[in-house]
């Protein structure tokens, strides 16, 4: 998802996207707990990091909007 798109989201859409990311991260953590093998764990850890980065970016956008 592009950063321009993210900044143009309505507050409701932004909150929905944040909720989706939080759920994705929860599911990935559950998968990581059940995964066996270094390659699977590494792939899931990379995906969790990616989702966390996107979540952090969207939360910052939301917070900056709330301050206005």
PDB file of N, CA and C in Angstrom:
ATOM      1  N   UNK A   1       0.852  -1.169   0.000  1.00  0.00           N
ATOM      2  CA  UNK A   1       0.000   0.000   0.000  1.00  0.00           C
ATOM      3  C   UNK A   1       0.899   1.233   0.000  1.00  0.00           C
ATOM      4  N   UNK A   2       0.599   2.182  -0.850  1.00  0.00           N
ATOM      5  CA  UNK A   2       1.450   3.360  -0.952  1.00  0.00           C
ATOM      6  C   UNK A   2       1.194   4.318   0.202  1.00  0.00           C
ATOM      7  N   UNK A   3       2.210   5.096   0.529  1.00  0.00           N
ATOM      8  CA  UNK A   3       2.082   6.060   1.619  1.00  0.00           C
ATOM      9  C   UNK A   3       1.075   7.144   1.274  1.00  0.00           C
ATOM     10  N   UNK A   4       0.996   7.545  -0.010  1.00  0.00           N
ATOM     11  CA  UNK A   4       0.008   8.548  -0.413  1.00  0.00           C
ATOM     12  C   UNK A   4      -1.402   8.038  -0.179  1.00  0.00           C
ATOM     13  N   UNK A   5      -1.627   6.777  -0.511  1.00  0.00           N
ATOM     14  CA  UNK A   5      -2.941   6.184  -0.285  1.00  0.00           C
ATOM     15  C   UNK A   5      -3.266   6.174   1.199  1.00  0.00           C
ATOM     16  N   UNK A   6      -2.305   5.782   2.014  1.00  0.00           N
ATOM     17  CA  UNK A   6      -2.524   5.711   3.457  1.00  0.00           C
ATOM     18  C   UNK A   6      -2.898   7.069   4.034  1.00  0.00           C
ATOM     19  N   UNK A   7      -2.251   8.122   3.587  1.00  0.00           N
ATOM     20  CA  UNK A   7      -2.528   9.445   4.136  1.00  0.00           C
ATOM     21  C   UNK A   7      -3.853  10.003   3.633  1.00  0.00           C
ATOM     22  N   UNK A   8      -4.397   9.427   2.555  1.00  0.00           N
ATOM     23  CA  UNK A   8      -5.676   9.908   2.042  1.00  0.00           C
ATOM     24  C   UNK A   8      -6.861   9.117   2.577  1.00  0.00           C
ATOM     25  N   UNK A   9      -6.621   8.104   3.378  1.00  0.00           N
ATOM     26  CA  UNK A   9      -7.706   7.305   3.953  1.00  0.00           C
ATOM     27  C   UNK A   9      -8.535   8.142   4.925  1.00  0.00           C
ATOM     28  N   UNK A  10      -9.835   7.871   4.956  1.00  0.00           N
ATOM     29  CA  UNK A  10     -10.670   8.498   5.979  1.00  0.00           C
ATOM     30  C   UNK A  10     -10.270   7.924   7.335  1.00  0.00           C
ATOM     31  N   UNK A  11     -10.659   8.589   8.394  1.00  0.00           N
ATOM     32  CA  UNK A  11     -10.320   8.106   9.738  1.00  0.00           C
ATOM     33  C   UNK A  11     -10.925   6.719   9.982  1.00  0.00           C
ATOM     34  N   UNK A  12     -12.148   6.490   9.525  1.00  0.00           N
ATOM     35  CA  UNK A  12     -12.761   5.166   9.684  1.00  0.00           C
ATOM     36  C   UNK A  12     -11.987   4.102   8.916  1.00  0.00           C
ATOM     37  N   UNK A  13     -11.591   4.419   7.689  1.00  0.00           N
ATOM     38  CA  UNK A  13     -10.824   3.464   6.889  1.00  0.00           C
ATOM     39  C   UNK A  13      -9.457   3.210   7.514  1.00  0.00           C
ATOM     40  N   UNK A  14      -8.856   4.259   8.049  1.00  0.00           N
ATOM     41  CA  UNK A  14      -7.565   4.123   8.720  1.00  0.00           C
ATOM     42  C   UNK A  14      -7.699   3.225   9.944  1.00  0.00           C
ATOM     43  N   UNK A  15      -8.733   3.433  10.749  1.00  0.00           N
ATOM     44  CA  UNK A  15      -8.975   2.584  11.919  1.00  0.00           C
ATOM     45  C   UNK A  15      -9.240   1.141  11.514  1.00  0.00           C
ATOM     46  N   UNK A  16      -9.984   0.946  10.411  1.00  0.00           N
ATOM     47  CA  UNK A  16     -10.242  -0.412   9.917  1.00  0.00           C
ATOM     48  C   UNK A  16      -8.940  -1.083   9.500  1.00  0.00           C
ATOM     49  N   UNK A  17      -8.088  -0.351   8.800  1.00  0.00           N
ATOM     50  CA  UNK A  17      -6.807  -0.902   8.343  1.00  0.00           C
ATOM     51  C   UNK A  17      -5.919  -1.258   9.533  1.00  0.00           C
ATOM     52  N   UNK A  18      -5.921  -0.416  10.562  1.00  0.00           N
ATOM     53  CA  UNK A  18      -5.151  -0.702  11.773  1.00  0.00           C
ATOM     54  C   UNK A  18      -5.670  -1.975  12.440  1.00  0.00           C
ATOM     55  N   UNK A  19      -6.985  -2.119  12.525  1.00  0.00           N
ATOM     56  CA  UNK A  19      -7.572  -3.325  13.137  1.00  0.00           C
ATOM     57  C   UNK A  19      -7.202  -4.576  12.346  1.00  0.00           C
ATOM     58  N   UNK A  20      -7.199  -4.466  11.022  1.00  0.00           N
ATOM     59  CA  UNK A  20      -6.815  -5.607  10.176  1.00  0.00           C
ATOM     60  C   UNK A  20      -5.359  -5.984  10.431  1.00  0.00           C
ATOM     61  N   UNK A  21      -4.489  -4.992  10.492  1.00  0.00           N
ATOM     62  CA  UNK A  21      -3.071  -5.264  10.743  1.00  0.00           C
ATOM     63  C   UNK A  21      -2.875  -5.901  12.112  1.00  0.00           C
ATOM     64  N   UNK A  22      -3.574  -5.404  13.118  1.00  0.00           N
ATOM     65  CA  UNK A  22      -3.446  -5.989  14.457  1.00  0.00           C
ATOM     66  C   UNK A  22      -3.889  -7.454  14.442  1.00  0.00           C
ATOM     67  N   UNK A  23      -4.958  -7.756  13.712  1.00  0.00           N
ATOM     68  CA  UNK A  23      -5.424  -9.137  13.613  1.00  0.00           C
ATOM     69  C   UNK A  23      -4.422  -9.992  12.838  1.00  0.00           C
ATOM     70  N   UNK A  24      -3.872  -9.435  11.745  1.00  0.00           N
ATOM     71  CA  UNK A  24      -2.851 -10.165  10.988  1.00  0.00           C
ATOM     72  C   UNK A  24      -1.663 -10.523  11.873  1.00  0.00           C
ATOM     73  N   UNK A  25      -1.214  -9.561  12.672  1.00  0.00           N
ATOM     74  CA  UNK A  25      -0.067  -9.794  13.556  1.00  0.00           C
ATOM     75  C   UNK A  25      -0.394 -10.874  14.577  1.00  0.00           C
ATOM     76  N   UNK A  26      -1.602 -10.817  15.147  1.00  0.00           N
ATOM     77  CA  UNK A  26      -2.020 -11.847  16.114  1.00  0.00           C
ATOM     78  C   UNK A  26      -1.990 -13.229  15.470  1.00  0.00           C
ATOM     79  N   UNK A  27      -2.524 -13.331  14.243  1.00  0.00           N
ATOM     80  CA  UNK A  27      -2.535 -14.618  13.542  1.00  0.00           C
ATOM     81  C   UNK A  27      -1.123 -15.105  13.220  1.00  0.00           C
ATOM     82  N   UNK A  28      -0.254 -14.182  12.820  1.00  0.00           N
ATOM     83  CA  UNK A  28       1.130 -14.559  12.520  1.00  0.00           C
ATOM     84  C   UNK A  28       1.860 -15.050  13.764  1.00  0.00           C
ATOM     85  N   UNK A  29       1.590 -14.425  14.900  1.00  0.00           N
ATOM     86  CA  UNK A  29       2.209 -14.866  16.153  1.00  0.00           C
ATOM     87  C   UNK A  29       1.732 -16.280  16.493  1.00  0.00           C
ATOM     88  N   UNK A  30       0.443 -16.550  16.278  1.00  0.00           N
ATOM     89  CA  UNK A  30      -0.074 -17.902  16.507  1.00  0.00           C
ATOM     90  C   UNK A  30       0.588 -18.906  15.560  1.00  0.00           C
ATOM     91  N   UNK A  31       0.767 -18.506  14.294  1.00  0.00           N
ATOM     92  CA  UNK A  31       1.439 -19.390  13.333  1.00  0.00           C
ATOM     93  C   UNK A  31       2.880 -19.646  13.747  1.00  0.00           C
ATOM     94  N   UNK A  32       3.542 -18.592  14.232  1.00  0.00           N
ATOM     95  CA  UNK A  32       4.938 -18.740  14.647  1.00  0.00           C
ATOM     96  C   UNK A  32       5.051 -19.718  15.810  1.00  0.00           C
ATOM     97  N   UNK A  33       4.090 -19.662  16.723  1.00  0.00           N
ATOM     98  CA  UNK A  33       4.120 -20.568  17.868  1.00  0.00           C
ATOM     99  C   UNK A  33       3.938 -22.020  17.427  1.00  0.00           C
ATOM    100  N   UNK A  34       3.169 -22.223  16.355  1.00  0.00           N
ATOM    101  CA  UNK A  34       2.899 -23.578  15.879  1.00  0.00           C
ATOM    102  C   UNK A  34       3.911 -24.051  14.832  1.00  0.00           C
ATOM    103  N   UNK A  35       4.682 -23.133  14.278  1.00  0.00           N
ATOM    104  CA  UNK A  35       5.605 -23.479  13.191  1.00  0.00           C
ATOM    105  C   UNK A  35       6.801 -24.251  13.715  1.00  0.00           C
ATOM    106  N   UNK A  36       7.252 -25.141  12.871  1.00  0.00           N
ATOM    107  CA  UNK A  36       8.499 -25.820  13.188  1.00  0.00           C
ATOM    108  C   UNK A  36       9.440 -25.627  12.015  1.00  0.00           C
ATOM    109  N   UNK A  37      10.682 -25.524  12.318  1.00  0.00           N
ATOM    110  CA  UNK A  37      11.678 -25.336  11.275  1.00  0.00           C
ATOM    111  C   UNK A  37      12.130 -23.895  11.200  1.00  0.00           C
ATOM    112  N   UNK A  38      13.423 -23.732  11.092  1.00  0.00           N
ATOM    113  CA  UNK A  38      14.029 -22.398  11.097  1.00  0.00           C
ATOM    114  C   UNK A  38      13.535 -21.546   9.929  1.00  0.00           C
ATOM    115  N   UNK A  39      13.370 -22.146   8.759  1.00  0.00           N
ATOM    116  CA  UNK A  39      12.943 -21.379   7.582  1.00  0.00           C
ATOM    117  C   UNK A  39      11.529 -20.832   7.771  1.00  0.00           C
ATOM    118  N   UNK A  40      10.617 -21.636   8.281  1.00  0.00           N
ATOM    119  CA  UNK A  40       9.254 -21.172   8.533  1.00  0.00           C
ATOM    120  C   UNK A  40       9.238 -20.059   9.575  1.00  0.00           C
ATOM    121  N   UNK A  41       9.989 -20.249  10.643  1.00  0.00           N
ATOM    122  CA  UNK A  41      10.033 -19.246  11.706  1.00  0.00           C
ATOM    123  C   UNK A  41      10.606 -17.932  11.198  1.00  0.00           C
ATOM    124  N   UNK A  42      11.630 -18.001  10.374  1.00  0.00           N
ATOM    125  CA  UNK A  42      12.251 -16.808   9.816  1.00  0.00           C
ATOM    126  C   UNK A  42      11.289 -16.072   8.894  1.00  0.00           C
ATOM    127  N   UNK A  43      10.583 -16.810   8.064  1.00  0.00           N
ATOM    128  CA  UNK A  43       9.615 -16.214   7.134  1.00  0.00           C
ATOM    129  C   UNK A  43       8.487 -15.528   7.901  1.00  0.00           C
ATOM    130  N   UNK A  44       7.982 -16.178   8.929  1.00  0.00           N
ATOM    131  CA  UNK A  44       6.907 -15.599   9.730  1.00  0.00           C
ATOM    132  C   UNK A  44       7.416 -14.370  10.486  1.00  0.00           C
ATOM    133  N   UNK A  45       8.634 -14.442  11.024  1.00  0.00           N
ATOM    134  CA  UNK A  45       9.205 -13.294  11.736  1.00  0.00           C
ATOM    135  C   UNK A  45       9.353 -12.094  10.800  1.00  0.00           C
ATOM    136  N   UNK A  46       9.772 -12.343   9.561  1.00  0.00           N
ATOM    137  CA  UNK A  46       9.878 -11.263   8.577  1.00  0.00           C
ATOM    138  C   UNK A  46       8.522 -10.643   8.297  1.00  0.00           C
ATOM    139  N   UNK A  47       7.518 -11.472   8.176  1.00  0.00           N
ATOM    140  CA  UNK A  47       6.147 -10.990   7.909  1.00  0.00           C
ATOM    141  C   UNK A  47       5.618 -10.191   9.105  1.00  0.00           C
ATOM    142  N   UNK A  48       5.888 -10.667  10.320  1.00  0.00           N
ATOM    143  CA  UNK A  48       5.468  -9.929  11.520  1.00  0.00           C
ATOM    144  C   UNK A  48       6.131  -8.557  11.540  1.00  0.00           C
ATOM    145  N   UNK A  49       7.415  -8.505  11.250  1.00  0.00           N
ATOM    146  CA  UNK A  49       8.132  -7.222  11.223  1.00  0.00           C
ATOM    147  C   UNK A  49       7.531  -6.278  10.188  1.00  0.00           C
ATOM    148  N   UNK A  50       7.215  -6.809   9.016  1.00  0.00           N
ATOM    149  CA  UNK A  50       6.612  -5.998   7.958  1.00  0.00           C
ATOM    150  C   UNK A  50       5.254  -5.446   8.403  1.00  0.00           C
ATOM    151  N   UNK A  51       4.443  -6.297   9.001  1.00  0.00           N
ATOM    152  CA  UNK A  51       3.124  -5.867   9.463  1.00  0.00           C
ATOM    153  C   UNK A  51       3.246  -4.831  10.585  1.00  0.00           C
ATOM    154  N   UNK A  52       4.207  -5.041  11.488  1.00  0.00           N
ATOM    155  CA  UNK A  52       4.423  -4.079  12.577  1.00  0.00           C
ATOM    156  C   UNK A  52       4.871  -2.719  12.042  1.00  0.00           C
ATOM    157  N   UNK A  53       5.731  -2.725  11.027  1.00  0.00           N
ATOM    158  CA  UNK A  53       6.176  -1.467  10.422  1.00  0.00           C
ATOM    159  C   UNK A  53       4.999  -0.702   9.822  1.00  0.00           C
ATOM    160  N   UNK A  54       4.149  -1.425   9.101  1.00  0.00           N
ATOM    161  CA  UNK A  54       2.976  -0.786   8.494  1.00  0.00           C
ATOM    162  C   UNK A  54       2.020  -0.286   9.574  1.00  0.00           C
ATOM    163  N   UNK A  55       1.830  -1.090  10.617  1.00  0.00           N
ATOM    164  CA  UNK A  55       0.969  -0.688  11.722  1.00  0.00           C
ATOM    165  C   UNK A  55       1.500   0.578  12.385  1.00  0.00           C
ATOM    166  N   UNK A  56       2.784   0.623  12.673  1.00  0.00           N
ATOM    167  CA  UNK A  56       3.384   1.812  13.287  1.00  0.00           C
ATOM    168  C   UNK A  56       3.175   3.049  12.427  1.00  0.00           C
ATOM    169  N   UNK A  57       3.342   2.902  11.117  1.00  0.00           N
ATOM    170  CA  UNK A  57       3.173   4.028  10.191  1.00  0.00           C
ATOM    171  C   UNK A  57       1.733   4.544  10.214  1.00  0.00           C
ATOM    172  N   UNK A  58       0.766   3.622  10.207  1.00  0.00           N
ATOM    173  CA  UNK A  58      -0.637   4.035  10.218  1.00  0.00           C
ATOM    174  C   UNK A  58      -1.041   4.662  11.553  1.00  0.00           C
ATOM    175  N   UNK A  59      -0.505   4.137  12.632  1.00  0.00           N
ATOM    176  CA  UNK A  59      -0.807   4.721  13.947  1.00  0.00           C
ATOM    177  C   UNK A  59      -0.268   6.145  14.024  1.00  0.00           C
ATOM    178  N   UNK A  60       0.903   6.379  13.472  1.00  0.00           N
ATOM    179  CA  UNK A  60       1.463   7.739  13.454  1.00  0.00           C
ATOM    180  C   UNK A  60       0.598   8.681  12.637  1.00  0.00           C
ATOM    181  N   UNK A  61       0.085   8.200  11.506  1.00  0.00           N
ATOM    182  CA  UNK A  61      -0.802   9.020  10.687  1.00  0.00           C
ATOM    183  C   UNK A  61      -2.058   9.356  11.484  1.00  0.00           C
ATOM    184  N   UNK A  62      -2.644   8.340  12.137  1.00  0.00           N
ATOM    185  CA  UNK A  62      -3.848   8.564  12.927  1.00  0.00           C
ATOM    186  C   UNK A  62      -3.592   9.563  14.046  1.00  0.00           C
ATOM    187  N   UNK A  63      -2.474   9.396  14.751  1.00  0.00           N
ATOM    188  CA  UNK A  63      -2.166  10.299  15.857  1.00  0.00           C
ATOM    189  C   UNK A  63      -1.977  11.736  15.373  1.00  0.00           C
ATOM    190  N   UNK A  64      -1.330  11.901  14.223  1.00  0.00           N
ATOM    191  CA  UNK A  64      -1.118  13.259  13.705  1.00  0.00           C
ATOM    192  C   UNK A  64      -2.455  13.892  13.319  1.00  0.00           C
ATOM    193  N   UNK A  65      -3.393  13.114  12.834  1.00  0.00           N
ATOM    194  CA  UNK A  65      -4.724  13.636  12.505  1.00  0.00           C
ATOM    195  C   UNK A  65      -5.502  14.017  13.755  1.00  0.00           C
ATOM    196  N   UNK A  66      -5.340  13.246  14.808  1.00  0.00           N
ATOM    197  CA  UNK A  66      -6.079  13.511  16.040  1.00  0.00           C
ATOM    198  C   UNK A  66      -5.599  14.773  16.712  1.00  0.00           C
ATOM    199  N   UNK A  67      -4.347  15.177  16.468  1.00  0.00           N
ATOM    200  CA  UNK A  67      -3.792  16.386  17.070  1.00  0.00           C
ATOM    201  C   UNK A  67      -4.291  17.644  16.392  1.00  0.00           C
ATOM    202  N   UNK A  68      -4.799  17.504  15.172  1.00  0.00           N
ATOM    203  CA  UNK A  68      -5.243  18.680  14.405  1.00  0.00           C
ATOM    204  C   UNK A  68      -6.547  19.216  14.898  1.00  0.00           C
TER     205      UNK A  68
END
